[in-house]
């Protein structure tokens, strides 16, 4: 988590709570920046995330964020 704090300032985070239920939250900008800076390279880093269970819809959103970083 400390790597994420260095890349994306906490004041840029969006957080929400709905009906006191646990909500999975992903900081897309932070995740895209971590992927972009991965020593594996972007393609392998994304594949590794998908191998660990990241679904296709989330992967597509990360790819869009990566496009904005370029």
PDB file of N, CA and C in Angstrom:
ATOM      1  N   UNK A   1       0.817  -1.197   0.000  1.00  0.00           N
ATOM      2  CA  UNK A   1       0.000   0.000   0.000  1.00  0.00           C
ATOM      3  C   UNK A   1       0.858   1.257   0.000  1.00  0.00           C
ATOM      4  N   UNK A   2       2.045   1.193   0.584  1.00  0.00           N
ATOM      5  CA  UNK A   2       2.877   2.388   0.652  1.00  0.00           C
ATOM      6  C   UNK A   2       3.265   2.884  -0.737  1.00  0.00           C
ATOM      7  N   UNK A   3       3.460   1.983  -1.718  1.00  0.00           N
ATOM      8  CA  UNK A   3       3.768   2.406  -3.073  1.00  0.00           C
ATOM      9  C   UNK A   3       2.637   3.242  -3.647  1.00  0.00           C
ATOM     10  N   UNK A   4       1.417   2.865  -3.345  1.00  0.00           N
ATOM     11  CA  UNK A   4       0.264   3.604  -3.862  1.00  0.00           C
ATOM     12  C   UNK A   4       0.220   5.011  -3.283  1.00  0.00           C
ATOM     13  N   UNK A   5       0.576   5.158  -2.009  1.00  0.00           N
ATOM     14  CA  UNK A   5       0.576   6.485  -1.397  1.00  0.00           C
ATOM     15  C   UNK A   5       1.581   7.405  -2.073  1.00  0.00           C
ATOM     16  N   UNK A   6       2.704   6.875  -2.522  1.00  0.00           N
ATOM     17  CA  UNK A   6       3.697   7.706  -3.190  1.00  0.00           C
ATOM     18  C   UNK A   6       3.240   8.114  -4.579  1.00  0.00           C
ATOM     19  N   UNK A   7       2.429   7.301  -5.218  1.00  0.00           N
ATOM     20  CA  UNK A   7       2.018   7.568  -6.595  1.00  0.00           C
ATOM     21  C   UNK A   7       0.783   8.454  -6.657  1.00  0.00           C
ATOM     22  N   UNK A   8      -0.183   8.185  -5.818  1.00  0.00           N
ATOM     23  CA  UNK A   8      -1.440   8.929  -5.852  1.00  0.00           C
ATOM     24  C   UNK A   8      -1.691   9.514  -4.462  1.00  0.00           C
ATOM     25  N   UNK A   9      -1.778  10.817  -4.381  1.00  0.00           N
ATOM     26  CA  UNK A   9      -2.026  11.468  -3.108  1.00  0.00           C
ATOM     27  C   UNK A   9      -3.405  11.087  -2.580  1.00  0.00           C
ATOM     28  N   UNK A  10      -3.512  10.789  -1.279  1.00  0.00           N
ATOM     29  CA  UNK A  10      -4.816  10.392  -0.712  1.00  0.00           C
ATOM     30  C   UNK A  10      -5.931  11.394  -0.955  1.00  0.00           C
ATOM     31  N   UNK A  11      -5.617  12.681  -1.067  1.00  0.00           N
ATOM     32  CA  UNK A  11      -6.703  13.646  -1.297  1.00  0.00           C
ATOM     33  C   UNK A  11      -7.339  13.494  -2.673  1.00  0.00           C
ATOM     34  N   UNK A  12      -6.719  12.719  -3.557  1.00  0.00           N
ATOM     35  CA  UNK A  12      -7.298  12.477  -4.875  1.00  0.00           C
ATOM     36  C   UNK A  12      -8.191  11.231  -4.900  1.00  0.00           C
ATOM     37  N   UNK A  13      -8.327  10.567  -3.787  1.00  0.00           N
ATOM     38  CA  UNK A  13      -9.110   9.340  -3.739  1.00  0.00           C
ATOM     39  C   UNK A  13     -10.588   9.659  -3.594  1.00  0.00           C
ATOM     40  N   UNK A  14     -11.426   8.814  -4.160  1.00  0.00           N
ATOM     41  CA  UNK A  14     -12.876   8.899  -3.977  1.00  0.00           C
ATOM     42  C   UNK A  14     -13.304   7.688  -3.159  1.00  0.00           C
ATOM     43  N   UNK A  15     -14.085   7.916  -2.121  1.00  0.00           N
ATOM     44  CA  UNK A  15     -14.535   6.829  -1.252  1.00  0.00           C
ATOM     45  C   UNK A  15     -16.033   6.961  -1.059  1.00  0.00           C
ATOM     46  N   UNK A  16     -16.719   5.832  -1.021  1.00  0.00           N
ATOM     47  CA  UNK A  16     -18.148   5.873  -0.775  1.00  0.00           C
ATOM     48  C   UNK A  16     -18.567   4.672   0.075  1.00  0.00           C
ATOM     49  N   UNK A  17     -19.652   4.832   0.798  1.00  0.00           N
ATOM     50  CA  UNK A  17     -20.218   3.760   1.623  1.00  0.00           C
ATOM     51  C   UNK A  17     -21.684   3.659   1.253  1.00  0.00           C
ATOM     52  N   UNK A  18     -22.159   2.429   1.049  1.00  0.00           N
ATOM     53  CA  UNK A  18     -23.574   2.244   0.730  1.00  0.00           C
ATOM     54  C   UNK A  18     -24.199   1.261   1.694  1.00  0.00           C
ATOM     55  N   UNK A  19     -25.196   1.678   2.408  1.00  0.00           N
ATOM     56  CA  UNK A  19     -25.990   0.834   3.298  1.00  0.00           C
ATOM     57  C   UNK A  19     -25.140  -0.007   4.248  1.00  0.00           C
ATOM     58  N   UNK A  20     -24.026   0.522   4.687  1.00  0.00           N
ATOM     59  CA  UNK A  20     -23.120  -0.159   5.620  1.00  0.00           C
ATOM     60  C   UNK A  20     -22.632  -1.503   5.118  1.00  0.00           C
ATOM     61  N   UNK A  21     -22.725  -1.720   3.817  1.00  0.00           N
ATOM     62  CA  UNK A  21     -22.270  -2.973   3.223  1.00  0.00           C
ATOM     63  C   UNK A  21     -20.839  -2.803   2.717  1.00  0.00           C
ATOM     64  N   UNK A  22     -20.061  -3.877   2.799  1.00  0.00           N
ATOM     65  CA  UNK A  22     -18.708  -3.797   2.225  1.00  0.00           C
ATOM     66  C   UNK A  22     -18.789  -3.549   0.719  1.00  0.00           C
ATOM     67  N   UNK A  23     -17.986  -2.628   0.256  1.00  0.00           N
ATOM     68  CA  UNK A  23     -17.968  -2.292  -1.160  1.00  0.00           C
ATOM     69  C   UNK A  23     -16.532  -2.432  -1.651  1.00  0.00           C
ATOM     70  N   UNK A  24     -16.357  -3.189  -2.729  1.00  0.00           N
ATOM     71  CA  UNK A  24     -15.029  -3.294  -3.320  1.00  0.00           C
ATOM     72  C   UNK A  24     -14.757  -1.991  -4.055  1.00  0.00           C
ATOM     73  N   UNK A  25     -13.647  -1.380  -3.755  1.00  0.00           N
ATOM     74  CA  UNK A  25     -13.305  -0.096  -4.349  1.00  0.00           C
ATOM     75  C   UNK A  25     -11.930  -0.203  -4.998  1.00  0.00           C
ATOM     76  N   UNK A  26     -11.809   0.304  -6.192  1.00  0.00           N
ATOM     77  CA  UNK A  26     -10.537   0.286  -6.907  1.00  0.00           C
ATOM     78  C   UNK A  26     -10.205   1.708  -7.321  1.00  0.00           C
ATOM     79  N   UNK A  27      -9.017   2.152  -6.971  1.00  0.00           N
ATOM     80  CA  UNK A  27      -8.535   3.451  -7.404  1.00  0.00           C
ATOM     81  C   UNK A  27      -7.927   3.245  -8.789  1.00  0.00           C
ATOM     82  N   UNK A  28      -8.708   3.509  -9.838  1.00  0.00           N
ATOM     83  CA  UNK A  28      -8.275   3.210 -11.205  1.00  0.00           C
ATOM     84  C   UNK A  28      -7.030   3.990 -11.610  1.00  0.00           C
ATOM     85  N   UNK A  29      -6.960   5.256 -11.252  1.00  0.00           N
ATOM     86  CA  UNK A  29      -5.792   6.051 -11.617  1.00  0.00           C
ATOM     87  C   UNK A  29      -4.539   5.505 -10.947  1.00  0.00           C
ATOM     88  N   UNK A  30      -4.658   5.169  -9.674  1.00  0.00           N
ATOM     89  CA  UNK A  30      -3.513   4.619  -8.950  1.00  0.00           C
ATOM     90  C   UNK A  30      -3.096   3.272  -9.495  1.00  0.00           C
ATOM     91  N   UNK A  31      -4.067   2.420  -9.784  1.00  0.00           N
ATOM     92  CA  UNK A  31      -3.769   1.104 -10.338  1.00  0.00           C
ATOM     93  C   UNK A  31      -3.110   1.231 -11.707  1.00  0.00           C
ATOM     94  N   UNK A  32      -3.619   2.134 -12.540  1.00  0.00           N
ATOM     95  CA  UNK A  32      -3.035   2.341 -13.865  1.00  0.00           C
ATOM     96  C   UNK A  32      -1.598   2.843 -13.752  1.00  0.00           C
ATOM     97  N   UNK A  33      -1.334   3.718 -12.793  1.00  0.00           N
ATOM     98  CA  UNK A  33       0.020   4.225 -12.614  1.00  0.00           C
ATOM     99  C   UNK A  33       0.961   3.130 -12.118  1.00  0.00           C
ATOM    100  N   UNK A  34       0.469   2.259 -11.234  1.00  0.00           N
ATOM    101  CA  UNK A  34       1.290   1.137 -10.781  1.00  0.00           C
ATOM    102  C   UNK A  34       1.595   0.189 -11.938  1.00  0.00           C
ATOM    103  N   UNK A  35       0.597  -0.092 -12.763  1.00  0.00           N
ATOM    104  CA  UNK A  35       0.798  -0.970 -13.925  1.00  0.00           C
ATOM    105  C   UNK A  35       1.797  -0.336 -14.893  1.00  0.00           C
ATOM    106  N   UNK A  36       1.632   0.949 -15.148  1.00  0.00           N
ATOM    107  CA  UNK A  36       2.520   1.642 -16.087  1.00  0.00           C
ATOM    108  C   UNK A  36       3.978   1.594 -15.625  1.00  0.00           C
ATOM    109  N   UNK A  37       4.196   1.675 -14.323  1.00  0.00           N
ATOM    110  CA  UNK A  37       5.544   1.671 -13.782  1.00  0.00           C
ATOM    111  C   UNK A  37       6.092   0.292 -13.450  1.00  0.00           C
ATOM    112  N   UNK A  38       5.328  -0.748 -13.739  1.00  0.00           N
ATOM    113  CA  UNK A  38       5.757  -2.102 -13.399  1.00  0.00           C
ATOM    114  C   UNK A  38       7.006  -2.506 -14.176  1.00  0.00           C
ATOM    115  N   UNK A  39       7.966  -3.143 -13.504  1.00  0.00           N
ATOM    116  CA  UNK A  39       9.147  -3.639 -14.219  1.00  0.00           C
ATOM    117  C   UNK A  39       8.812  -4.778 -15.189  1.00  0.00           C
ATOM    118  N   UNK A  40       7.628  -5.357 -15.050  1.00  0.00           N
ATOM    119  CA  UNK A  40       7.196  -6.412 -15.968  1.00  0.00           C
ATOM    120  C   UNK A  40       6.806  -5.855 -17.332  1.00  0.00           C
ATOM    121  N   UNK A  41       6.477  -4.581 -17.379  1.00  0.00           N
ATOM    122  CA  UNK A  41       5.893  -3.991 -18.581  1.00  0.00           C
ATOM    123  C   UNK A  41       4.385  -4.027 -18.446  1.00  0.00           C
ATOM    124  N   UNK A  42       3.732  -3.176 -19.177  1.00  0.00           N
ATOM    125  CA  UNK A  42       2.279  -3.023 -19.040  1.00  0.00           C
ATOM    126  C   UNK A  42       1.527  -4.302 -19.383  1.00  0.00           C
ATOM    127  N   UNK A  43       1.842  -4.915 -20.507  1.00  0.00           N
ATOM    128  CA  UNK A  43       1.096  -6.105 -20.926  1.00  0.00           C
ATOM    129  C   UNK A  43       1.209  -7.239 -19.912  1.00  0.00           C
ATOM    130  N   UNK A  44       2.426  -7.507 -19.443  1.00  0.00           N
ATOM    131  CA  UNK A  44       2.609  -8.597 -18.484  1.00  0.00           C
ATOM    132  C   UNK A  44       2.000  -8.261 -17.129  1.00  0.00           C
ATOM    133  N   UNK A  45       2.084  -7.000 -16.719  1.00  0.00           N
ATOM    134  CA  UNK A  45       1.484  -6.595 -15.449  1.00  0.00           C
ATOM    135  C   UNK A  45      -0.033  -6.769 -15.496  1.00  0.00           C
ATOM    136  N   UNK A  46      -0.648  -6.363 -16.598  1.00  0.00           N
ATOM    137  CA  UNK A  46      -2.097  -6.539 -16.732  1.00  0.00           C
ATOM    138  C   UNK A  46      -2.470  -8.013 -16.757  1.00  0.00           C
ATOM    139  N   UNK A  47      -1.680  -8.824 -17.458  1.00  0.00           N
ATOM    140  CA  UNK A  47      -1.953 -10.255 -17.499  1.00  0.00           C
ATOM    141  C   UNK A  47      -1.833 -10.866 -16.107  1.00  0.00           C
ATOM    142  N   UNK A  48      -0.833 -10.437 -15.351  1.00  0.00           N
ATOM    143  CA  UNK A  48      -0.655 -10.951 -13.986  1.00  0.00           C
ATOM    144  C   UNK A  48      -1.854 -10.593 -13.110  1.00  0.00           C
ATOM    145  N   UNK A  49      -2.373  -9.367 -13.244  1.00  0.00           N
ATOM    146  CA  UNK A  49      -3.559  -8.979 -12.483  1.00  0.00           C
ATOM    147  C   UNK A  49      -4.767  -9.820 -12.870  1.00  0.00           C
ATOM    148  N   UNK A  50      -4.929 -10.067 -14.159  1.00  0.00           N
ATOM    149  CA  UNK A  50      -6.054 -10.893 -14.603  1.00  0.00           C
ATOM    150  C   UNK A  50      -5.885 -12.337 -14.137  1.00  0.00           C
ATOM    151  N   UNK A  51      -4.659 -12.833 -14.116  1.00  0.00           N
ATOM    152  CA  UNK A  51      -4.406 -14.188 -13.612  1.00  0.00           C
ATOM    153  C   UNK A  51      -4.748 -14.300 -12.132  1.00  0.00           C
ATOM    154  N   UNK A  52      -4.663 -13.174 -11.410  1.00  0.00           N
ATOM    155  CA  UNK A  52      -4.986 -13.158  -9.983  1.00  0.00           C
ATOM    156  C   UNK A  52      -6.465 -12.885  -9.725  1.00  0.00           C
ATOM    157  N   UNK A  53      -7.257 -12.761 -10.792  1.00  0.00           N
ATOM    158  CA  UNK A  53      -8.702 -12.658 -10.604  1.00  0.00           C
ATOM    159  C   UNK A  53      -9.351 -11.347 -11.008  1.00  0.00           C
ATOM    160  N   UNK A  54      -8.589 -10.409 -11.555  1.00  0.00           N
ATOM    161  CA  UNK A  54      -9.208  -9.168 -12.012  1.00  0.00           C
ATOM    162  C   UNK A  54     -10.099  -9.489 -13.208  1.00  0.00           C
ATOM    163  N   UNK A  55     -11.367  -9.079 -13.144  1.00  0.00           N
ATOM    164  CA  UNK A  55     -12.287  -9.423 -14.233  1.00  0.00           C
ATOM    165  C   UNK A  55     -12.090  -8.530 -15.455  1.00  0.00           C
ATOM    166  N   UNK A  56     -12.676  -8.942 -16.552  1.00  0.00           N
ATOM    167  CA  UNK A  56     -12.507  -8.255 -17.826  1.00  0.00           C
ATOM    168  C   UNK A  56     -13.038  -6.835 -17.831  1.00  0.00           C
ATOM    169  N   UNK A  57     -14.134  -6.585 -17.136  1.00  0.00           N
ATOM    170  CA  UNK A  57     -14.708  -5.241 -17.102  1.00  0.00           C
ATOM    171  C   UNK A  57     -13.763  -4.274 -16.393  1.00  0.00           C
ATOM    172  N   UNK A  58     -13.183  -4.722 -15.294  1.00  0.00           N
ATOM    173  CA  UNK A  58     -12.232  -3.875 -14.576  1.00  0.00           C
ATOM    174  C   UNK A  58     -10.968  -3.675 -15.411  1.00  0.00           C
ATOM    175  N   UNK A  59     -10.507  -4.734 -16.067  1.00  0.00           N
ATOM    176  CA  UNK A  59      -9.319  -4.631 -16.916  1.00  0.00           C
ATOM    177  C   UNK A  59      -9.540  -3.598 -18.020  1.00  0.00           C
ATOM    178  N   UNK A  60     -10.718  -3.585 -18.611  1.00  0.00           N
ATOM    179  CA  UNK A  60     -11.027  -2.623 -19.666  1.00  0.00           C
ATOM    180  C   UNK A  60     -10.957  -1.194 -19.131  1.00  0.00           C
ATOM    181  N   UNK A  61     -11.437  -0.991 -17.918  1.00  0.00           N
ATOM    182  CA  UNK A  61     -11.394   0.348 -17.322  1.00  0.00           C
ATOM    183  C   UNK A  61      -9.960   0.769 -17.011  1.00  0.00           C
ATOM    184  N   UNK A  62      -9.128  -0.186 -16.585  1.00  0.00           N
ATOM    185  CA  UNK A  62      -7.719   0.125 -16.332  1.00  0.00           C
ATOM    186  C   UNK A  62      -7.023   0.491 -17.644  1.00  0.00           C
ATOM    187  N   UNK A  63      -7.332  -0.255 -18.724  1.00  0.00           N
ATOM    188  CA  UNK A  63      -6.748   0.066 -20.035  1.00  0.00           C
ATOM    189  C   UNK A  63      -7.123   1.487 -20.464  1.00  0.00           C
ATOM    190  N   UNK A  64      -8.357   1.896 -20.204  1.00  0.00           N
ATOM    191  CA  UNK A  64      -8.767   3.280 -20.539  1.00  0.00           C
ATOM    192  C   UNK A  64      -7.959   4.306 -19.742  1.00  0.00           C
ATOM    193  N   UNK A  65      -7.744   4.013 -18.473  1.00  0.00           N
ATOM    194  CA  UNK A  65      -6.924   4.915 -17.652  1.00  0.00           C
ATOM    195  C   UNK A  65      -5.489   4.957 -18.168  1.00  0.00           C
ATOM    196  N   UNK A  66      -4.968   3.802 -18.577  1.00  0.00           N
ATOM    197  CA  UNK A  66      -3.618   3.758 -19.125  1.00  0.00           C
ATOM    198  C   UNK A  66      -3.507   4.595 -20.402  1.00  0.00           C
ATOM    199  N   UNK A  67      -4.546   4.568 -21.214  1.00  0.00           N
ATOM    200  CA  UNK A  67      -4.555   5.357 -22.441  1.00  0.00           C
ATOM    201  C   UNK A  67      -4.495   6.845 -22.125  1.00  0.00           C
ATOM    202  N   UNK A  68      -5.165   7.255 -21.049  1.00  0.00           N
ATOM    203  CA  UNK A  68      -5.160   8.662 -20.658  1.00  0.00           C
ATOM    204  C   UNK A  68      -3.795   9.088 -20.124  1.00  0.00           C
ATOM    205  N   UNK A  69      -3.034   8.143 -19.560  1.00  0.00           N
ATOM    206  CA  UNK A  69      -1.705   8.460 -19.039  1.00  0.00           C
ATOM    207  C   UNK A  69      -0.665   8.631 -20.139  1.00  0.00           C
ATOM    208  N   UNK A  70      -0.954   8.064 -21.298  1.00  0.00           N
ATOM    209  CA  UNK A  70       0.038   8.103 -22.386  1.00  0.00           C
ATOM    210  C   UNK A  70       0.118   9.452 -23.046  1.00  0.00           C
TER     211      UNK A  70
END
